[in-house]
Amino acid sequence: MITTKQIEELALHQALMVVFVNVGEEGWPDDPMEFLERARDEDGFESNDEMVPWQPFEYYDAHSLCDEVHTFATTFEQVINEALILDRG
């Protein structure tokens, strides 16, 4: 049986793929949400890692990107849970 943690991880990964072009490629941060939150919260944040947004999101700041990822992840979690409920009847 799939766990809540697995659903959350799957939903987050899919959300990151919707917003960013280079998910999983060289230079992708080990913890992308921590990276985004630091970019959002720390003045002058610098890193050798890089998260490249898809064109619709290319002008978003770190705060907006973080919000978009959370929104997509929450939506995907809801859809997965609804599908599991339907499957279990």
PDB file of N, CA and C in Angstrom:
ATOM      1  N   MET A   1       0.837  -1.173   0.000  1.00  0.00           N
ATOM      2  CA  MET A   1       0.000   0.000   0.000  1.00  0.00           C
ATOM      3  C   MET A   1       0.891   1.249   0.000  1.00  0.00           C
ATOM      4  N   ILE A   2       0.501   2.232  -0.741  1.00  0.00           N
ATOM      5  CA  ILE A   2       1.250   3.475  -0.837  1.00  0.00           C
ATOM      6  C   ILE A   2       1.045   4.303   0.434  1.00  0.00           C
ATOM      7  N   THR A   3       2.121   4.889   0.924  1.00  0.00           N
ATOM      8  CA  THR A   3       2.046   5.671   2.151  1.00  0.00           C
ATOM      9  C   THR A   3       1.790   7.146   1.835  1.00  0.00           C
ATOM     10  N   THR A   4       1.381   7.881   2.848  1.00  0.00           N
ATOM     11  CA  THR A   4       1.162   9.324   2.705  1.00  0.00           C
ATOM     12  C   THR A   4       2.455  10.009   2.297  1.00  0.00           C
ATOM     13  N   LYS A   5       3.563   9.585   2.880  1.00  0.00           N
ATOM     14  CA  LYS A   5       4.868  10.171   2.545  1.00  0.00           C
ATOM     15  C   LYS A   5       5.204   9.934   1.076  1.00  0.00           C
ATOM     16  N   GLN A   6       4.933   8.741   0.557  1.00  0.00           N
ATOM     17  CA  GLN A   6       5.192   8.452  -0.844  1.00  0.00           C
ATOM     18  C   GLN A   6       4.323   9.318  -1.756  1.00  0.00           C
ATOM     19  N   ILE A   7       3.078   9.507  -1.383  1.00  0.00           N
ATOM     20  CA  ILE A   7       2.177  10.363  -2.161  1.00  0.00           C
ATOM     21  C   ILE A   7       2.709  11.794  -2.179  1.00  0.00           C
ATOM     22  N   GLU A   8       3.120  12.288  -1.014  1.00  0.00           N
ATOM     23  CA  GLU A   8       3.651  13.647  -0.925  1.00  0.00           C
ATOM     24  C   GLU A   8       4.901  13.803  -1.784  1.00  0.00           C
ATOM     25  N   GLU A   9       5.797  12.822  -1.739  1.00  0.00           N
ATOM     26  CA  GLU A   9       7.032  12.876  -2.532  1.00  0.00           C
ATOM     27  C   GLU A   9       6.736  12.832  -4.027  1.00  0.00           C
ATOM     28  N   LEU A  10       5.832  11.966  -4.438  1.00  0.00           N
ATOM     29  CA  LEU A  10       5.445  11.863  -5.837  1.00  0.00           C
ATOM     30  C   LEU A  10       4.805  13.165  -6.323  1.00  0.00           C
ATOM     31  N   ALA A  11       3.899  13.713  -5.529  1.00  0.00           N
ATOM     32  CA  ALA A  11       3.221  14.958  -5.894  1.00  0.00           C
ATOM     33  C   ALA A  11       4.213  16.105  -5.990  1.00  0.00           C
ATOM     34  N   LEU A  12       5.147  16.194  -5.051  1.00  0.00           N
ATOM     35  CA  LEU A  12       6.150  17.255  -5.089  1.00  0.00           C
ATOM     36  C   LEU A  12       7.042  17.117  -6.318  1.00  0.00           C
ATOM     37  N   HIS A  13       7.480  15.911  -6.609  1.00  0.00           N
ATOM     38  CA  HIS A  13       8.327  15.694  -7.785  1.00  0.00           C
ATOM     39  C   HIS A  13       7.597  16.127  -9.063  1.00  0.00           C
ATOM     40  N   GLN A  14       6.346  15.748  -9.193  1.00  0.00           N
ATOM     41  CA  GLN A  14       5.577  16.129 -10.376  1.00  0.00           C
ATOM     42  C   GLN A  14       5.380  17.644 -10.440  1.00  0.00           C
ATOM     43  N   ALA A  15       5.140  18.266  -9.300  1.00  0.00           N
ATOM     44  CA  ALA A  15       4.975  19.727  -9.262  1.00  0.00           C
ATOM     45  C   ALA A  15       6.262  20.421  -9.701  1.00  0.00           C
ATOM     46  N   LEU A  16       7.392  19.925  -9.231  1.00  0.00           N
ATOM     47  CA  LEU A  16       8.667  20.505  -9.643  1.00  0.00           C
ATOM     48  C   LEU A  16       8.871  20.358 -11.151  1.00  0.00           C
ATOM     49  N   MET A  17       8.446  19.221 -11.706  1.00  0.00           N
ATOM     50  CA  MET A  17       8.589  18.997 -13.151  1.00  0.00           C
ATOM     51  C   MET A  17       7.695  19.936 -13.963  1.00  0.00           C
ATOM     52  N   VAL A  18       6.564  20.339 -13.414  1.00  0.00           N
ATOM     53  CA  VAL A  18       5.673  21.274 -14.104  1.00  0.00           C
ATOM     54  C   VAL A  18       6.291  22.671 -14.145  1.00  0.00           C
ATOM     55  N   VAL A  19       6.975  23.049 -13.078  1.00  0.00           N
ATOM     56  CA  VAL A  19       7.478  24.418 -12.950  1.00  0.00           C
ATOM     57  C   VAL A  19       8.910  24.576 -13.480  1.00  0.00           C
ATOM     58  N   PHE A  20       9.730  23.523 -13.385  1.00  0.00           N
ATOM     59  CA  PHE A  20      11.148  23.646 -13.733  1.00  0.00           C
ATOM     60  C   PHE A  20      11.555  22.718 -14.871  1.00  0.00           C
ATOM     61  N   VAL A  21      12.432  23.212 -15.723  1.00  0.00           N
ATOM     62  CA  VAL A  21      12.911  22.501 -16.904  1.00  0.00           C
ATOM     63  C   VAL A  21      13.939  21.429 -16.548  1.00  0.00           C
ATOM     64  N   ASN A  22      14.795  21.711 -15.599  1.00  0.00           N
ATOM     65  CA  ASN A  22      15.986  20.891 -15.384  1.00  0.00           C
ATOM     66  C   ASN A  22      15.925  19.949 -14.181  1.00  0.00           C
ATOM     67  N   VAL A  23      14.749  19.486 -13.831  1.00  0.00           N
ATOM     68  CA  VAL A  23      14.600  18.591 -12.680  1.00  0.00           C
ATOM     69  C   VAL A  23      15.477  17.347 -12.865  1.00  0.00           C
ATOM     70  N   GLY A  24      16.295  17.087 -11.861  1.00  0.00           N
ATOM     71  CA  GLY A  24      17.125  15.887 -11.861  1.00  0.00           C
ATOM     72  C   GLY A  24      18.392  15.971 -12.689  1.00  0.00           C
ATOM     73  N   GLU A  25      18.590  17.060 -13.402  1.00  0.00           N
ATOM     74  CA  GLU A  25      19.793  17.193 -14.221  1.00  0.00           C
ATOM     75  C   GLU A  25      20.975  17.663 -13.371  1.00  0.00           C
ATOM     76  N   GLU A  26      22.149  17.673 -13.976  1.00  0.00           N
ATOM     77  CA  GLU A  26      23.336  18.160 -13.286  1.00  0.00           C
ATOM     78  C   GLU A  26      23.103  19.602 -12.835  1.00  0.00           C
ATOM     79  N   GLY A  27      23.462  19.886 -11.603  1.00  0.00           N
ATOM     80  CA  GLY A  27      23.276  21.216 -11.054  1.00  0.00           C
ATOM     81  C   GLY A  27      21.952  21.400 -10.329  1.00  0.00           C
ATOM     82  N   TRP A  28      21.079  20.383 -10.404  1.00  0.00           N
ATOM     83  CA  TRP A  28      19.809  20.433  -9.687  1.00  0.00           C
ATOM     84  C   TRP A  28      20.108  20.248  -8.198  1.00  0.00           C
ATOM     85  N   PRO A  29      19.533  21.081  -7.325  1.00  0.00           N
ATOM     86  CA  PRO A  29      19.834  20.960  -5.891  1.00  0.00           C
ATOM     87  C   PRO A  29      19.343  19.640  -5.294  1.00  0.00           C
ATOM     88  N   ASP A  30      20.080  19.150  -4.302  1.00  0.00           N
ATOM     89  CA  ASP A  30      19.695  17.910  -3.619  1.00  0.00           C
ATOM     90  C   ASP A  30      18.346  18.056  -2.925  1.00  0.00           C
ATOM     91  N   ASP A  31      18.086  19.226  -2.370  1.00  0.00           N
ATOM     92  CA  ASP A  31      16.816  19.501  -1.703  1.00  0.00           C
ATOM     93  C   ASP A  31      16.218  20.751  -2.348  1.00  0.00           C
ATOM     94  N   PRO A  32      15.441  20.561  -3.424  1.00  0.00           N
ATOM     95  CA  PRO A  32      14.960  21.720  -4.177  1.00  0.00           C
ATOM     96  C   PRO A  32      14.067  22.665  -3.381  1.00  0.00           C
ATOM     97  N   MET A  33      13.274  22.155  -2.459  1.00  0.00           N
ATOM     98  CA  MET A  33      12.409  23.052  -1.693  1.00  0.00           C
ATOM     99  C   MET A  33      13.217  23.885  -0.706  1.00  0.00           C
ATOM    100  N   GLU A  34      14.238  23.295  -0.107  1.00  0.00           N
ATOM    101  CA  GLU A  34      15.109  24.067   0.776  1.00  0.00           C
ATOM    102  C   GLU A  34      15.836  25.142  -0.033  1.00  0.00           C
ATOM    103  N   PHE A  35      16.275  24.791  -1.229  1.00  0.00           N
ATOM    104  CA  PHE A  35      16.945  25.736  -2.126  1.00  0.00           C
ATOM    105  C   PHE A  35      16.015  26.909  -2.442  1.00  0.00           C
ATOM    106  N   LEU A  36      14.780  26.609  -2.826  1.00  0.00           N
ATOM    107  CA  LEU A  36      13.806  27.664  -3.150  1.00  0.00           C
ATOM    108  C   LEU A  36      13.517  28.544  -1.937  1.00  0.00           C
ATOM    109  N   GLU A  37      13.338  27.930  -0.788  1.00  0.00           N
ATOM    110  CA  GLU A  37      13.037  28.689   0.426  1.00  0.00           C
ATOM    111  C   GLU A  37      14.201  29.588   0.822  1.00  0.00           C
ATOM    112  N   ARG A  38      15.420  29.108   0.661  1.00  0.00           N
ATOM    113  CA  ARG A  38      16.593  29.952   0.945  1.00  0.00           C
ATOM    114  C   ARG A  38      16.674  31.094  -0.052  1.00  0.00           C
ATOM    115  N   ALA A  39      16.427  30.796  -1.326  1.00  0.00           N
ATOM    116  CA  ALA A  39      16.441  31.853  -2.349  1.00  0.00           C
ATOM    117  C   ALA A  39      15.374  32.904  -2.059  1.00  0.00           C
ATOM    118  N   ARG A  40      14.263  32.457  -1.518  1.00  0.00           N
ATOM    119  CA  ARG A  40      13.156  33.352  -1.179  1.00  0.00           C
ATOM    120  C   ARG A  40      13.481  34.203   0.051  1.00  0.00           C
ATOM    121  N   ASP A  41      14.107  33.584   1.060  1.00  0.00           N
ATOM    122  CA  ASP A  41      14.247  34.220   2.366  1.00  0.00           C
ATOM    123  C   ASP A  41      15.587  34.914   2.623  1.00  0.00           C
ATOM    124  N   GLU A  42      16.633  34.528   1.905  1.00  0.00           N
ATOM    125  CA  GLU A  42      17.967  35.064   2.188  1.00  0.00           C
ATOM    126  C   GLU A  42      18.376  36.088   1.140  1.00  0.00           C
ATOM    127  N   ASP A  43      18.686  37.287   1.585  1.00  0.00           N
ATOM    128  CA  ASP A  43      19.217  38.300   0.681  1.00  0.00           C
ATOM    129  C   ASP A  43      20.588  37.855   0.191  1.00  0.00           C
ATOM    130  N   GLY A  44      20.825  37.991  -1.092  1.00  0.00           N
ATOM    131  CA  GLY A  44      22.122  37.645  -1.656  1.00  0.00           C
ATOM    132  C   GLY A  44      22.414  36.160  -1.693  1.00  0.00           C
ATOM    133  N   PHE A  45      21.378  35.320  -1.653  1.00  0.00           N
ATOM    134  CA  PHE A  45      21.572  33.863  -1.707  1.00  0.00           C
ATOM    135  C   PHE A  45      22.289  33.483  -3.000  1.00  0.00           C
ATOM    136  N   GLU A  46      23.359  32.707  -2.869  1.00  0.00           N
ATOM    137  CA  GLU A  46      24.110  32.232  -4.028  1.00  0.00           C
ATOM    138  C   GLU A  46      24.362  30.740  -3.891  1.00  0.00           C
ATOM    139  N   SER A  47      24.382  30.065  -5.031  1.00  0.00           N
ATOM    140  CA  SER A  47      24.622  28.628  -5.038  1.00  0.00           C
ATOM    141  C   SER A  47      25.157  28.225  -6.400  1.00  0.00           C
ATOM    142  N   ASN A  48      25.873  27.111  -6.436  1.00  0.00           N
ATOM    143  CA  ASN A  48      26.306  26.547  -7.721  1.00  0.00           C
ATOM    144  C   ASN A  48      25.189  25.751  -8.369  1.00  0.00           C
ATOM    145  N   ASP A  49      24.163  25.425  -7.584  1.00  0.00           N
ATOM    146  CA  ASP A  49      23.001  24.712  -8.120  1.00  0.00           C
ATOM    147  C   ASP A  49      22.102  25.693  -8.854  1.00  0.00           C
ATOM    148  N   GLU A  50      21.216  25.127  -9.682  1.00  0.00           N
ATOM    149  CA  GLU A  50      20.339  25.985 -10.471  1.00  0.00           C
ATOM    150  C   GLU A  50      19.000  25.293 -10.714  1.00  0.00           C
ATOM    151  N   MET A  51      17.930  26.065 -10.581  1.00  0.00           N
ATOM    152  CA  MET A  51      16.579  25.609 -10.904  1.00  0.00           C
ATOM    153  C   MET A  51      16.071  26.536 -12.008  1.00  0.00           C
ATOM    154  N   VAL A  52      15.849  25.957 -13.188  1.00  0.00           N
ATOM    155  CA  VAL A  52      15.479  26.757 -14.358  1.00  0.00           C
ATOM    156  C   VAL A  52      13.981  26.611 -14.607  1.00  0.00           C
ATOM    157  N   PRO A  53      13.211  27.699 -14.424  1.00  0.00           N
ATOM    158  CA  PRO A  53      11.762  27.625 -14.634  1.00  0.00           C
ATOM    159  C   PRO A  53      11.400  27.487 -16.114  1.00  0.00           C
ATOM    160  N   TRP A  54      10.303  26.784 -16.358  1.00  0.00           N
ATOM    161  CA  TRP A  54       9.738  26.743 -17.701  1.00  0.00           C
ATOM    162  C   TRP A  54       9.296  28.151 -18.074  1.00  0.00           C
ATOM    163  N   GLN A  55       9.105  28.396 -19.365  1.00  0.00           N
ATOM    164  CA  GLN A  55       8.791  29.723 -19.878  1.00  0.00           C
ATOM    165  C   GLN A  55       7.626  30.420 -19.167  1.00  0.00           C
ATOM    166  N   PRO A  56       6.518  29.761 -18.898  1.00  0.00           N
ATOM    167  CA  PRO A  56       5.427  30.505 -18.242  1.00  0.00           C
ATOM    168  C   PRO A  56       5.806  31.053 -16.863  1.00  0.00           C
ATOM    169  N   PHE A  57       6.846  30.489 -16.260  1.00  0.00           N
ATOM    170  CA  PHE A  57       7.243  30.878 -14.909  1.00  0.00           C
ATOM    171  C   PHE A  57       8.579  31.627 -14.877  1.00  0.00           C
ATOM    172  N   GLU A  58       9.151  31.938 -16.025  1.00  0.00           N
ATOM    173  CA  GLU A  58      10.516  32.449 -16.079  1.00  0.00           C
ATOM    174  C   GLU A  58      10.714  33.808 -15.402  1.00  0.00           C
ATOM    175  N   TYR A  59       9.673  34.581 -15.256  1.00  0.00           N
ATOM    176  CA  TYR A  59       9.822  35.895 -14.618  1.00  0.00           C
ATOM    177  C   TYR A  59       9.316  35.906 -13.174  1.00  0.00           C
ATOM    178  N   TYR A  60       8.965  34.747 -12.651  1.00  0.00           N
ATOM    179  CA  TYR A  60       8.509  34.652 -11.269  1.00  0.00           C
ATOM    180  C   TYR A  60       9.710  34.791 -10.328  1.00  0.00           C
ATOM    181  N   ASP A  61       9.506  35.438  -9.193  1.00  0.00           N
ATOM    182  CA  ASP A  61      10.550  35.477  -8.184  1.00  0.00           C
ATOM    183  C   ASP A  61      10.484  34.180  -7.370  1.00  0.00           C
ATOM    184  N   ALA A  62      11.463  33.997  -6.472  1.00  0.00           N
ATOM    185  CA  ALA A  62      11.548  32.753  -5.698  1.00  0.00           C
ATOM    186  C   ALA A  62      10.297  32.532  -4.853  1.00  0.00           C
ATOM    187  N   HIS A  63       9.730  33.606  -4.319  1.00  0.00           N
ATOM    188  CA  HIS A  63       8.513  33.487  -3.510  1.00  0.00           C
ATOM    189  C   HIS A  63       7.366  32.926  -4.358  1.00  0.00           C
ATOM    190  N   SER A  64       7.173  33.471  -5.549  1.00  0.00           N
ATOM    191  CA  SER A  64       6.097  33.006  -6.430  1.00  0.00           C
ATOM    192  C   SER A  64       6.333  31.583  -6.920  1.00  0.00           C
ATOM    193  N   LEU A  65       7.582  31.251  -7.219  1.00  0.00           N
ATOM    194  CA  LEU A  65       7.906  29.885  -7.648  1.00  0.00           C
ATOM    195  C   LEU A  65       7.602  28.891  -6.540  1.00  0.00           C
ATOM    196  N   CYS A  66       7.965  29.240  -5.329  1.00  0.00           N
ATOM    197  CA  CYS A  66       7.696  28.377  -4.169  1.00  0.00           C
ATOM    198  C   CYS A  66       6.188  28.172  -4.014  1.00  0.00           C
ATOM    199  N   ASP A  67       5.421  29.248  -4.127  1.00  0.00           N
ATOM    200  CA  ASP A  67       3.959  29.159  -4.035  1.00  0.00           C
ATOM    201  C   ASP A  67       3.388  28.262  -5.126  1.00  0.00           C
ATOM    202  N   GLU A  68       3.875  28.409  -6.355  1.00  0.00           N
ATOM    203  CA  GLU A  68       3.377  27.591  -7.475  1.00  0.00           C
ATOM    204  C   GLU A  68       3.650  26.111  -7.231  1.00  0.00           C
ATOM    205  N   VAL A  69       4.852  25.787  -6.804  1.00  0.00           N
ATOM    206  CA  VAL A  69       5.198  24.384  -6.538  1.00  0.00           C
ATOM    207  C   VAL A  69       4.290  23.820  -5.452  1.00  0.00           C
ATOM    208  N   HIS A  70       4.088  24.573  -4.376  1.00  0.00           N
ATOM    209  CA  HIS A  70       3.209  24.105  -3.296  1.00  0.00           C
ATOM    210  C   HIS A  70       1.775  23.914  -3.800  1.00  0.00           C
ATOM    211  N   THR A  71       1.288  24.829  -4.624  1.00  0.00           N
ATOM    212  CA  THR A  71      -0.074  24.725  -5.156  1.00  0.00           C
ATOM    213  C   THR A  71      -0.230  23.487  -6.030  1.00  0.00           C
ATOM    214  N   PHE A  72       0.711  23.277  -6.949  1.00  0.00           N
ATOM    215  CA  PHE A  72       0.653  22.089  -7.798  1.00  0.00           C
ATOM    216  C   PHE A  72       0.769  20.811  -6.971  1.00  0.00           C
ATOM    217  N   ALA A  73       1.699  20.779  -6.016  1.00  0.00           N
ATOM    218  CA  ALA A  73       1.895  19.578  -5.202  1.00  0.00           C
ATOM    219  C   ALA A  73       0.632  19.240  -4.416  1.00  0.00           C
ATOM    220  N   THR A  74      -0.003  20.241  -3.837  1.00  0.00           N
ATOM    221  CA  THR A  74      -1.241  20.013  -3.084  1.00  0.00           C
ATOM    222  C   THR A  74      -2.336  19.467  -3.999  1.00  0.00           C
ATOM    223  N   THR A  75      -2.455  20.037  -5.178  1.00  0.00           N
ATOM    224  CA  THR A  75      -3.461  19.570  -6.147  1.00  0.00           C
ATOM    225  C   THR A  75      -3.185  18.130  -6.553  1.00  0.00           C
ATOM    226  N   PHE A  76      -1.919  17.810  -6.830  1.00  0.00           N
ATOM    227  CA  PHE A  76      -1.575  16.452  -7.240  1.00  0.00           C
ATOM    228  C   PHE A  76      -1.833  15.451  -6.110  1.00  0.00           C
ATOM    229  N   GLU A  77      -1.539  15.849  -4.875  1.00  0.00           N
ATOM    230  CA  GLU A  77      -1.830  14.972  -3.731  1.00  0.00           C
ATOM    231  C   GLU A  77      -3.324  14.672  -3.661  1.00  0.00           C
ATOM    232  N   GLN A  78      -4.140  15.685  -3.843  1.00  0.00           N
ATOM    233  CA  GLN A  78      -5.591  15.501  -3.794  1.00  0.00           C
ATOM    234  C   GLN A  78      -6.060  14.552  -4.890  1.00  0.00           C
ATOM    235  N   VAL A  79      -5.526  14.711  -6.085  1.00  0.00           N
ATOM    236  CA  VAL A  79      -5.917  13.847  -7.207  1.00  0.00           C
ATOM    237  C   VAL A  79      -5.500  12.401  -6.946  1.00  0.00           C
ATOM    238  N   ILE A  80      -4.276  12.209  -6.437  1.00  0.00           N
ATOM    239  CA  ILE A  80      -3.812  10.849  -6.134  1.00  0.00           C
ATOM    240  C   ILE A  80      -4.713  10.215  -5.083  1.00  0.00           C
ATOM    241  N   ASN A  81      -5.019  10.952  -4.033  1.00  0.00           N
ATOM    242  CA  ASN A  81      -5.883  10.417  -2.969  1.00  0.00           C
ATOM    243  C   ASN A  81      -7.279  10.105  -3.489  1.00  0.00           C
ATOM    244  N   GLU A  82      -7.828  10.956  -4.337  1.00  0.00           N
ATOM    245  CA  GLU A  82      -9.145  10.682  -4.914  1.00  0.00           C
ATOM    246  C   GLU A  82      -9.114   9.436  -5.794  1.00  0.00           C
ATOM    247  N   ALA A  83      -8.043   9.274  -6.563  1.00  0.00           N
ATOM    248  CA  ALA A  83      -7.922   8.079  -7.401  1.00  0.00           C
ATOM    249  C   ALA A  83      -7.826   6.817  -6.552  1.00  0.00           C
ATOM    250  N   LEU A  84      -7.100   6.897  -5.448  1.00  0.00           N
ATOM    251  CA  LEU A  84      -6.996   5.745  -4.555  1.00  0.00           C
ATOM    252  C   LEU A  84      -8.340   5.406  -3.929  1.00  0.00           C
ATOM    253  N   ILE A  85      -9.111   6.407  -3.574  1.00  0.00           N
ATOM    254  CA  ILE A  85     -10.445   6.166  -3.016  1.00  0.00           C
ATOM    255  C   ILE A  85     -11.330   5.485  -4.050  1.00  0.00           C
ATOM    256  N   LEU A  86     -11.281   5.952  -5.299  1.00  0.00           N
ATOM    257  CA  LEU A  86     -12.074   5.331  -6.370  1.00  0.00           C
ATOM    258  C   LEU A  86     -11.649   3.893  -6.599  1.00  0.00           C
ATOM    259  N   ASP A  87     -10.339   3.652  -6.573  1.00  0.00           N
ATOM    260  CA  ASP A  87      -9.802   2.320  -6.805  1.00  0.00           C
ATOM    261  C   ASP A  87     -10.239   1.343  -5.719  1.00  0.00           C
ATOM    262  N   ARG A  88     -10.318   1.831  -4.500  1.00  0.00           N
ATOM    263  CA  ARG A  88     -10.670   0.966  -3.368  1.00  0.00           C
ATOM    264  C   ARG A  88     -12.176   0.783  -3.240  1.00  0.00           C
ATOM    265  N   GLY A  89     -12.906   1.638  -3.958  1.00  0.00           N
ATOM    266  CA  GLY A  89     -14.350   1.535  -4.002  1.00  0.00           C
ATOM    267  C   GLY A  89     -15.010   1.789  -2.715  1.00  0.00           C
TER     268      GLY A  89
END
